[in-house]
């Protein structure tokens, strides 16, 4: 991981919010609007990691498990 070149300080707001410097965001490959997971990593240290999209990870992983057309037949039974 590339180190952040400039260290900027920021404050924790009363709502526990922090503004992340743009240099750190760019180097980490994060963009505004992405979901992150925060975890404590010792006293005075919090690590943010991009949240994994579980649907994206497993999407298509069962391709070929069912015979062709069987899922459509099962869905028709619901009506």
N, C-alpha and C. Protein backbone atom coordinates (compact mmCIF):
# COMPACT_ATOMS: atom_id res chain seq x y z
N UNK A 1 0.85 -1.18 0.00
CA UNK A 1 0.00 0.00 0.00
C UNK A 1 0.90 1.24 0.00
N UNK A 2 0.57 2.18 -0.85
CA UNK A 2 1.33 3.42 -0.94
C UNK A 2 1.00 4.30 0.26
N UNK A 3 2.01 4.93 0.81
CA UNK A 3 1.78 5.79 1.97
C UNK A 3 1.23 7.14 1.53
N UNK A 4 0.43 7.74 2.38
CA UNK A 4 -0.11 9.07 2.13
C UNK A 4 1.04 10.05 2.30
N UNK A 5 1.28 10.88 1.30
CA UNK A 5 2.43 11.78 1.32
C UNK A 5 2.26 12.92 2.31
N UNK A 6 1.09 13.50 2.33
CA UNK A 6 0.84 14.63 3.22
C UNK A 6 -0.02 14.14 4.38
N UNK A 7 0.38 14.45 5.56
CA UNK A 7 -0.46 14.11 6.71
C UNK A 7 -1.25 15.34 7.08
N UNK A 8 -2.54 15.19 7.04
CA UNK A 8 -3.43 16.29 7.43
C UNK A 8 -4.19 15.85 8.65
N UNK A 9 -4.41 16.77 9.52
CA UNK A 9 -5.25 16.42 10.66
C UNK A 9 -6.69 16.81 10.36
N UNK A 10 -7.58 16.16 11.00
CA UNK A 10 -9.00 16.44 10.86
C UNK A 10 -9.62 16.23 12.23
N UNK A 11 -10.81 16.68 12.41
CA UNK A 11 -11.47 16.55 13.72
C UNK A 11 -12.64 15.58 13.62
N UNK A 12 -12.93 14.95 14.72
CA UNK A 12 -14.12 14.12 14.83
C UNK A 12 -15.25 15.04 15.29
N UNK A 13 -16.33 15.08 14.52
CA UNK A 13 -17.44 15.98 14.86
C UNK A 13 -18.26 15.39 16.02
N UNK A 14 -19.18 16.20 16.51
CA UNK A 14 -20.06 15.74 17.59
C UNK A 14 -20.91 14.55 17.15
N UNK A 15 -21.09 14.41 15.84
CA UNK A 15 -21.86 13.29 15.29
C UNK A 15 -20.95 12.11 14.93
N UNK A 16 -19.69 12.17 15.39
CA UNK A 16 -18.69 11.12 15.14
C UNK A 16 -18.32 11.00 13.67
N UNK A 17 -18.37 12.10 12.94
CA UNK A 17 -18.02 12.09 11.53
C UNK A 17 -16.62 12.66 11.34
N UNK A 18 -15.94 12.14 10.31
CA UNK A 18 -14.59 12.59 9.99
C UNK A 18 -14.51 12.85 8.49
N UNK A 19 -13.83 13.92 8.10
CA UNK A 19 -13.57 14.18 6.69
C UNK A 19 -12.22 13.57 6.35
N UNK A 20 -12.21 12.73 5.32
CA UNK A 20 -10.98 12.07 4.91
C UNK A 20 -10.32 12.93 3.83
N UNK A 21 -9.05 13.27 4.00
CA UNK A 21 -8.37 14.10 3.00
C UNK A 21 -8.39 13.42 1.62
N UNK A 22 -8.54 14.23 0.57
CA UNK A 22 -8.68 13.71 -0.79
C UNK A 22 -7.45 12.91 -1.22
N UNK A 23 -6.26 13.31 -0.80
CA UNK A 23 -5.05 12.55 -1.15
C UNK A 23 -5.14 11.12 -0.63
N UNK A 24 -5.59 10.96 0.60
CA UNK A 24 -5.72 9.63 1.19
C UNK A 24 -6.79 8.83 0.46
N UNK A 25 -7.88 9.49 0.10
CA UNK A 25 -8.95 8.80 -0.64
C UNK A 25 -8.44 8.30 -1.98
N UNK A 26 -7.73 9.14 -2.71
CA UNK A 26 -7.23 8.76 -4.03
C UNK A 26 -6.25 7.60 -3.94
N UNK A 27 -5.30 7.69 -3.02
CA UNK A 27 -4.30 6.63 -2.88
C UNK A 27 -4.95 5.31 -2.47
N UNK A 28 -5.99 5.38 -1.63
CA UNK A 28 -6.70 4.18 -1.20
C UNK A 28 -7.64 3.65 -2.28
N UNK A 29 -7.87 4.44 -3.31
CA UNK A 29 -8.77 4.01 -4.38
C UNK A 29 -10.23 4.07 -3.99
N UNK A 30 -10.55 4.91 -3.03
CA UNK A 30 -11.94 5.06 -2.57
C UNK A 30 -12.56 6.29 -3.22
N UNK A 31 -13.88 6.24 -3.39
CA UNK A 31 -14.60 7.36 -3.98
C UNK A 31 -15.78 7.72 -3.09
N UNK A 32 -16.22 8.96 -3.20
CA UNK A 32 -17.37 9.43 -2.43
C UNK A 32 -18.57 8.54 -2.73
N UNK A 33 -19.31 8.18 -1.72
CA UNK A 33 -20.51 7.37 -1.87
C UNK A 33 -20.27 5.88 -1.66
N UNK A 34 -19.01 5.45 -1.66
CA UNK A 34 -18.73 4.03 -1.42
C UNK A 34 -18.99 3.69 0.04
N UNK A 35 -19.38 2.44 0.27
CA UNK A 35 -19.58 1.97 1.64
C UNK A 35 -18.28 1.40 2.17
N UNK A 36 -17.95 1.75 3.40
CA UNK A 36 -16.74 1.24 4.05
C UNK A 36 -17.10 0.64 5.40
N UNK A 37 -16.25 -0.25 5.86
CA UNK A 37 -16.38 -0.86 7.18
C UNK A 37 -15.29 -0.26 8.05
N UNK A 38 -15.64 0.18 9.24
CA UNK A 38 -14.66 0.74 10.17
C UNK A 38 -14.39 -0.27 11.28
N UNK A 39 -13.09 -0.48 11.56
CA UNK A 39 -12.75 -1.37 12.66
C UNK A 39 -11.61 -0.75 13.46
N UNK A 40 -11.65 -0.98 14.76
CA UNK A 40 -10.59 -0.50 15.63
C UNK A 40 -9.37 -1.37 15.44
N UNK A 41 -8.19 -0.74 15.39
CA UNK A 41 -6.94 -1.46 15.20
C UNK A 41 -5.94 -1.00 16.26
N UNK A 42 -6.41 -1.01 17.50
CA UNK A 42 -5.55 -0.58 18.60
C UNK A 42 -5.93 0.81 19.07
N UNK A 43 -5.33 1.24 20.17
CA UNK A 43 -5.65 2.56 20.73
C UNK A 43 -5.33 3.69 19.75
N UNK A 44 -6.31 4.53 19.50
CA UNK A 44 -6.12 5.70 18.64
C UNK A 44 -6.04 5.38 17.16
N UNK A 45 -6.43 4.18 16.76
CA UNK A 45 -6.30 3.81 15.35
C UNK A 45 -7.58 3.14 14.87
N UNK A 46 -8.15 3.67 13.76
CA UNK A 46 -9.33 3.11 13.13
C UNK A 46 -8.98 2.87 11.66
N UNK A 47 -9.32 1.69 11.15
CA UNK A 47 -9.04 1.34 9.76
C UNK A 47 -10.37 1.28 9.01
N UNK A 48 -10.41 1.92 7.84
CA UNK A 48 -11.58 1.86 6.97
C UNK A 48 -11.25 0.94 5.80
N UNK A 49 -12.15 0.01 5.51
CA UNK A 49 -11.97 -0.90 4.38
C UNK A 49 -13.24 -0.90 3.55
N UNK A 50 -13.06 -0.96 2.23
CA UNK A 50 -14.20 -1.00 1.33
C UNK A 50 -15.07 -2.21 1.69
N UNK A 51 -16.38 -1.99 1.78
CA UNK A 51 -17.31 -3.08 2.08
C UNK A 51 -17.45 -3.97 0.85
N UNK A 52 -17.36 -5.27 1.06
CA UNK A 52 -17.51 -6.21 -0.04
C UNK A 52 -18.99 -6.37 -0.37
N UNK A 53 -19.27 -6.44 -1.67
CA UNK A 53 -20.63 -6.66 -2.14
C UNK A 53 -20.85 -8.16 -2.27
N UNK A 54 -21.52 -8.75 -1.28
CA UNK A 54 -21.70 -10.19 -1.23
C UNK A 54 -22.45 -10.71 -2.46
N UNK A 55 -23.43 -9.97 -2.93
CA UNK A 55 -24.17 -10.40 -4.12
C UNK A 55 -23.24 -10.47 -5.34
N UNK A 56 -22.36 -9.50 -5.46
CA UNK A 56 -21.43 -9.50 -6.59
C UNK A 56 -20.46 -10.67 -6.50
N UNK A 57 -20.02 -10.99 -5.29
CA UNK A 57 -19.07 -12.09 -5.10
C UNK A 57 -19.68 -13.42 -5.52
N UNK A 58 -20.94 -13.67 -5.12
CA UNK A 58 -21.55 -14.97 -5.36
C UNK A 58 -22.43 -15.03 -6.61
N UNK A 59 -22.68 -13.90 -7.24
CA UNK A 59 -23.52 -13.87 -8.43
C UNK A 59 -22.93 -14.75 -9.52
N UNK A 60 -23.73 -15.68 -10.01
CA UNK A 60 -23.29 -16.56 -11.08
C UNK A 60 -22.50 -17.77 -10.61
N UNK A 61 -22.30 -17.91 -9.30
CA UNK A 61 -21.47 -19.01 -8.81
C UNK A 61 -22.15 -20.37 -8.91
N UNK A 62 -23.47 -20.41 -9.10
CA UNK A 62 -24.18 -21.68 -9.21
C UNK A 62 -24.57 -22.00 -10.66
N UNK A 63 -23.94 -21.31 -11.60
CA UNK A 63 -24.22 -21.57 -13.01
C UNK A 63 -23.91 -23.02 -13.33
N UNK A 64 -24.87 -23.70 -13.96
CA UNK A 64 -24.67 -25.09 -14.35
C UNK A 64 -25.05 -26.10 -13.29
N UNK A 65 -25.48 -25.65 -12.12
CA UNK A 65 -25.84 -26.58 -11.05
C UNK A 65 -27.19 -27.24 -11.34
N UNK A 66 -28.13 -26.47 -11.89
CA UNK A 66 -29.46 -26.99 -12.17
C UNK A 66 -29.59 -27.32 -13.67
N UNK A 67 -30.36 -28.33 -13.97
CA UNK A 67 -30.64 -28.68 -15.37
C UNK A 67 -31.37 -27.52 -16.03
N UNK A 68 -31.15 -27.37 -17.32
CA UNK A 68 -31.77 -26.28 -18.08
C UNK A 68 -33.30 -26.35 -17.97
N UNK A 69 -33.93 -25.24 -17.58
CA UNK A 69 -35.38 -25.15 -17.52
C UNK A 69 -35.98 -25.52 -16.18
N UNK A 70 -35.23 -26.15 -15.29
CA UNK A 70 -35.80 -26.60 -14.01
C UNK A 70 -36.20 -25.42 -13.12
N UNK A 71 -35.41 -24.36 -13.13
CA UNK A 71 -35.75 -23.21 -12.29
C UNK A 71 -37.04 -22.54 -12.76
N UNK A 72 -37.22 -22.47 -14.06
CA UNK A 72 -38.46 -21.90 -14.61
C UNK A 72 -39.65 -22.74 -14.19
N UNK A 73 -39.51 -24.06 -14.22
CA UNK A 73 -40.60 -24.95 -13.78
C UNK A 73 -40.93 -24.72 -12.31
N UNK A 74 -39.91 -24.59 -11.49
CA UNK A 74 -40.14 -24.35 -10.06
C UNK A 74 -40.83 -23.01 -9.83
N UNK A 75 -40.41 -21.99 -10.58
CA UNK A 75 -41.04 -20.67 -10.44
C UNK A 75 -42.51 -20.72 -10.84
N UNK A 76 -42.83 -21.49 -11.85
CA UNK A 76 -44.22 -21.61 -12.31
C UNK A 76 -45.09 -22.28 -11.26
N UNK A 77 -44.52 -23.11 -10.40
CA UNK A 77 -45.27 -23.77 -9.33
C UNK A 77 -45.75 -22.76 -8.28
N UNK A 78 -45.10 -21.60 -8.18
CA UNK A 78 -45.47 -20.61 -7.18
C UNK A 78 -46.80 -19.94 -7.49
N UNK A 79 -47.16 -19.88 -8.77
CA UNK A 79 -48.39 -19.17 -9.17
C UNK A 79 -49.64 -19.91 -8.76
